[in-house]
Structures are given as C-alpha cells and as structure tokens.
Amino acid sequence: MDGKPLKFHLESAGGFKLYSVGEDGNDDGGDVSRDPDSTRYGLWYRKDVVWPAPATAEVEAWRSNSVEE
C-alpha cells in the first residue's frame, strides 16, 4: 500500500510473517487488527495486510477430526 516491497520477518517458532503496510501507510509490524479510525471492514482495512500462512500440522489434524465428528 506504500509502494515499497513486502515486509518479511522470521518468527521465533520457525514460521514467518509476510505483510504490507495498511491503508494508513504506517508499518505496524504485521498487526491484523482493524484500524480503529476506519469505518470499513475487510482484509484491506486492517492496520497491516498480512499474507496468510499455511496451517500447522496441529491445526490440520484438528480440522480433520472436527469434520469426522
């Protein structure tokens, strides 16, 4: 949203965070909470726009078990 490259940060658990600053142009470190000054909703109206990470094996196992029940 600011015309600069996407931001990439490695997480301590081995994952990553890939994001762009939000509509306000501020780098909030990949914060996906809604901008309190915005009256709009959706992916693009968060403090930052974060690329979704793949689900962990633990989450996928939980999803599989939930569907079977």
N, C-alpha and C. Protein backbone atom coordinates (compact mmCIF):
# COMPACT_ATOMS: atom_id res chain seq x y z
N MET A 1 0.81 -1.20 0.00
CA MET A 1 0.00 0.00 0.00
C MET A 1 0.86 1.26 0.00
N ASP A 2 2.16 1.11 0.30
CA ASP A 2 3.02 2.29 0.33
C ASP A 2 3.99 2.32 -0.85
N GLY A 3 3.86 1.35 -1.77
CA GLY A 3 4.73 1.31 -2.93
C GLY A 3 6.08 0.68 -2.65
N LYS A 4 6.30 0.20 -1.43
CA LYS A 4 7.57 -0.43 -1.06
C LYS A 4 7.40 -1.95 -1.09
N PRO A 5 8.54 -2.69 -1.10
CA PRO A 5 8.44 -4.15 -1.09
C PRO A 5 7.72 -4.66 0.16
N LEU A 6 7.18 -5.87 0.05
CA LEU A 6 6.54 -6.50 1.20
C LEU A 6 7.56 -6.68 2.32
N LYS A 7 7.09 -6.70 3.55
CA LYS A 7 7.94 -6.91 4.72
C LYS A 7 7.96 -8.40 5.04
N PHE A 8 9.13 -8.93 5.41
CA PHE A 8 9.28 -10.34 5.73
C PHE A 8 10.02 -10.46 7.05
N HIS A 9 9.41 -11.17 8.01
CA HIS A 9 10.04 -11.39 9.31
C HIS A 9 9.96 -12.87 9.65
N LEU A 10 11.11 -13.44 10.09
CA LEU A 10 11.10 -14.81 10.59
C LEU A 10 10.60 -14.80 12.02
N GLU A 11 9.73 -15.75 12.34
CA GLU A 11 9.19 -15.87 13.70
C GLU A 11 10.08 -16.80 14.51
N SER A 12 10.04 -16.68 15.82
CA SER A 12 10.89 -17.50 16.69
C SER A 12 10.56 -18.99 16.59
N ALA A 13 9.33 -19.33 16.28
CA ALA A 13 8.92 -20.73 16.18
C ALA A 13 9.25 -21.34 14.81
N GLY A 14 9.92 -20.58 13.95
CA GLY A 14 10.31 -21.09 12.64
C GLY A 14 9.39 -20.67 11.51
N GLY A 15 8.28 -20.05 11.83
CA GLY A 15 7.37 -19.57 10.79
C GLY A 15 7.82 -18.22 10.26
N PHE A 16 6.95 -17.57 9.55
CA PHE A 16 7.28 -16.25 9.02
C PHE A 16 6.04 -15.38 8.98
N LYS A 17 6.28 -14.09 8.81
CA LYS A 17 5.18 -13.14 8.62
C LYS A 17 5.54 -12.32 7.39
N LEU A 18 4.65 -12.31 6.41
CA LEU A 18 4.83 -11.55 5.18
C LEU A 18 3.68 -10.57 5.11
N TYR A 19 3.98 -9.28 5.03
CA TYR A 19 2.90 -8.30 5.07
C TYR A 19 3.26 -7.00 4.35
N SER A 20 2.24 -6.22 4.12
CA SER A 20 2.36 -4.88 3.59
C SER A 20 1.74 -3.92 4.60
N VAL A 21 2.21 -2.71 4.60
CA VAL A 21 1.56 -1.73 5.46
C VAL A 21 0.12 -1.54 4.99
N GLY A 22 -0.74 -1.12 5.88
CA GLY A 22 -2.15 -0.93 5.55
C GLY A 22 -2.41 0.41 4.88
N GLU A 23 -3.67 0.72 4.77
CA GLU A 23 -4.12 1.92 4.08
C GLU A 23 -3.58 3.21 4.72
N ASP A 24 -3.29 3.17 6.02
CA ASP A 24 -2.79 4.37 6.70
C ASP A 24 -1.32 4.65 6.41
N GLY A 25 -0.61 3.69 5.77
CA GLY A 25 0.78 3.89 5.42
C GLY A 25 1.77 3.66 6.55
N ASN A 26 1.29 3.26 7.73
CA ASN A 26 2.17 3.00 8.87
C ASN A 26 2.53 1.53 8.94
N ASP A 27 3.80 1.24 9.24
CA ASP A 27 4.24 -0.14 9.45
C ASP A 27 3.95 -0.50 10.90
N ASP A 28 2.94 -1.33 11.10
CA ASP A 28 2.54 -1.75 12.45
C ASP A 28 3.05 -3.15 12.78
N GLY A 29 4.09 -3.61 12.08
CA GLY A 29 4.71 -4.89 12.39
C GLY A 29 3.88 -6.10 12.02
N GLY A 30 2.95 -5.96 11.09
CA GLY A 30 2.10 -7.09 10.69
C GLY A 30 0.87 -7.25 11.55
N ASP A 31 0.43 -6.18 12.15
CA ASP A 31 -0.76 -6.19 13.02
C ASP A 31 -2.02 -6.31 12.16
N VAL A 32 -2.82 -7.36 12.39
CA VAL A 32 -4.02 -7.57 11.59
C VAL A 32 -5.29 -7.03 12.25
N SER A 33 -5.15 -6.34 13.36
CA SER A 33 -6.35 -5.77 13.98
C SER A 33 -6.90 -4.65 13.11
N ARG A 34 -8.19 -4.42 13.21
CA ARG A 34 -8.83 -3.40 12.39
C ARG A 34 -8.38 -2.02 12.83
N ASP A 35 -8.14 -1.16 11.88
CA ASP A 35 -7.77 0.22 12.17
C ASP A 35 -8.95 0.88 12.85
N PRO A 36 -8.79 1.37 14.08
CA PRO A 36 -9.93 1.94 14.81
C PRO A 36 -10.52 3.19 14.15
N ASP A 37 -9.75 3.84 13.29
CA ASP A 37 -10.25 5.04 12.61
C ASP A 37 -11.02 4.72 11.34
N SER A 38 -11.00 3.45 10.91
CA SER A 38 -11.67 3.07 9.67
C SER A 38 -13.10 2.63 9.95
N THR A 39 -14.00 3.00 9.06
CA THR A 39 -15.39 2.56 9.17
C THR A 39 -15.66 1.39 8.24
N ARG A 40 -14.64 0.97 7.47
CA ARG A 40 -14.78 -0.13 6.53
C ARG A 40 -14.23 -1.42 7.13
N TYR A 41 -14.68 -2.54 6.59
CA TYR A 41 -14.26 -3.85 7.06
C TYR A 41 -13.64 -4.64 5.92
N GLY A 42 -12.80 -5.59 6.25
CA GLY A 42 -12.21 -6.46 5.25
C GLY A 42 -10.70 -6.51 5.37
N LEU A 43 -10.10 -7.41 4.59
CA LEU A 43 -8.66 -7.63 4.61
C LEU A 43 -7.87 -6.34 4.42
N TRP A 44 -8.29 -5.49 3.52
CA TRP A 44 -7.52 -4.30 3.17
C TRP A 44 -7.69 -3.16 4.16
N TYR A 45 -8.58 -3.30 5.11
CA TYR A 45 -8.83 -2.20 6.06
C TYR A 45 -8.33 -2.54 7.45
N ARG A 46 -7.28 -3.31 7.53
CA ARG A 46 -6.60 -3.65 8.78
C ARG A 46 -5.41 -2.70 8.93
N LYS A 47 -4.78 -2.72 10.11
CA LYS A 47 -3.60 -1.89 10.29
C LYS A 47 -2.54 -2.25 9.26
N ASP A 48 -2.27 -3.56 9.08
CA ASP A 48 -1.39 -4.06 8.03
C ASP A 48 -2.10 -5.19 7.31
N VAL A 49 -1.69 -5.45 6.08
CA VAL A 49 -2.27 -6.53 5.28
C VAL A 49 -1.29 -7.70 5.31
N VAL A 50 -1.68 -8.81 5.94
CA VAL A 50 -0.78 -9.94 6.16
C VAL A 50 -1.13 -11.09 5.22
N TRP A 51 -0.08 -11.63 4.57
CA TRP A 51 -0.25 -12.79 3.70
C TRP A 51 -0.56 -13.99 4.58
N PRO A 52 -1.60 -14.76 4.29
CA PRO A 52 -1.94 -15.90 5.14
C PRO A 52 -0.83 -16.96 5.13
N ALA A 53 -0.52 -17.48 6.29
CA ALA A 53 0.48 -18.56 6.42
C ALA A 53 -0.24 -19.90 6.34
N PRO A 54 0.44 -20.94 5.86
CA PRO A 54 -0.19 -22.26 5.83
C PRO A 54 -0.51 -22.73 7.25
N ALA A 55 -1.54 -23.51 7.37
CA ALA A 55 -1.92 -24.05 8.68
C ALA A 55 -0.85 -25.03 9.16
N THR A 56 -0.66 -25.08 10.45
CA THR A 56 0.29 -26.04 11.03
C THR A 56 -0.31 -27.44 10.97
N ALA A 57 0.53 -28.44 11.15
CA ALA A 57 0.06 -29.84 11.17
C ALA A 57 -0.95 -30.04 12.29
N GLU A 58 -0.74 -29.37 13.41
CA GLU A 58 -1.67 -29.48 14.54
C GLU A 58 -3.05 -28.95 14.17
N VAL A 59 -3.10 -27.82 13.50
CA VAL A 59 -4.39 -27.24 13.08
C VAL A 59 -5.07 -28.14 12.06
N GLU A 60 -4.32 -28.66 11.11
CA GLU A 60 -4.90 -29.55 10.09
C GLU A 60 -5.45 -30.82 10.73
N ALA A 61 -4.75 -31.37 11.72
CA ALA A 61 -5.24 -32.56 12.43
C ALA A 61 -6.54 -32.25 13.14
N TRP A 62 -6.61 -31.10 13.77
CA TRP A 62 -7.85 -30.69 14.46
C TRP A 62 -8.99 -30.54 13.47
N ARG A 63 -8.72 -29.92 12.32
CA ARG A 63 -9.76 -29.77 11.29
C ARG A 63 -10.26 -31.13 10.82
N SER A 64 -9.34 -32.05 10.57
CA SER A 64 -9.73 -33.40 10.12
C SER A 64 -10.61 -34.09 11.14
N ASN A 65 -10.25 -33.99 12.41
CA ASN A 65 -11.05 -34.61 13.47
C ASN A 65 -12.41 -33.94 13.61
N SER A 66 -12.48 -32.64 13.42
CA SER A 66 -13.74 -31.91 13.55
C SER A 66 -14.72 -32.29 12.45
N VAL A 67 -14.22 -32.51 11.24
CA VAL A 67 -15.07 -32.87 10.10
C VAL A 67 -15.63 -34.27 10.28
N GLU A 68 -14.84 -35.18 10.83
CA GLU A 68 -15.26 -36.57 11.00
C GLU A 68 -16.34 -36.72 12.06
N GLU A 69 -16.39 -35.82 13.03
CA GLU A 69 -17.34 -35.94 14.14
C GLU A 69 -18.73 -35.54 13.77
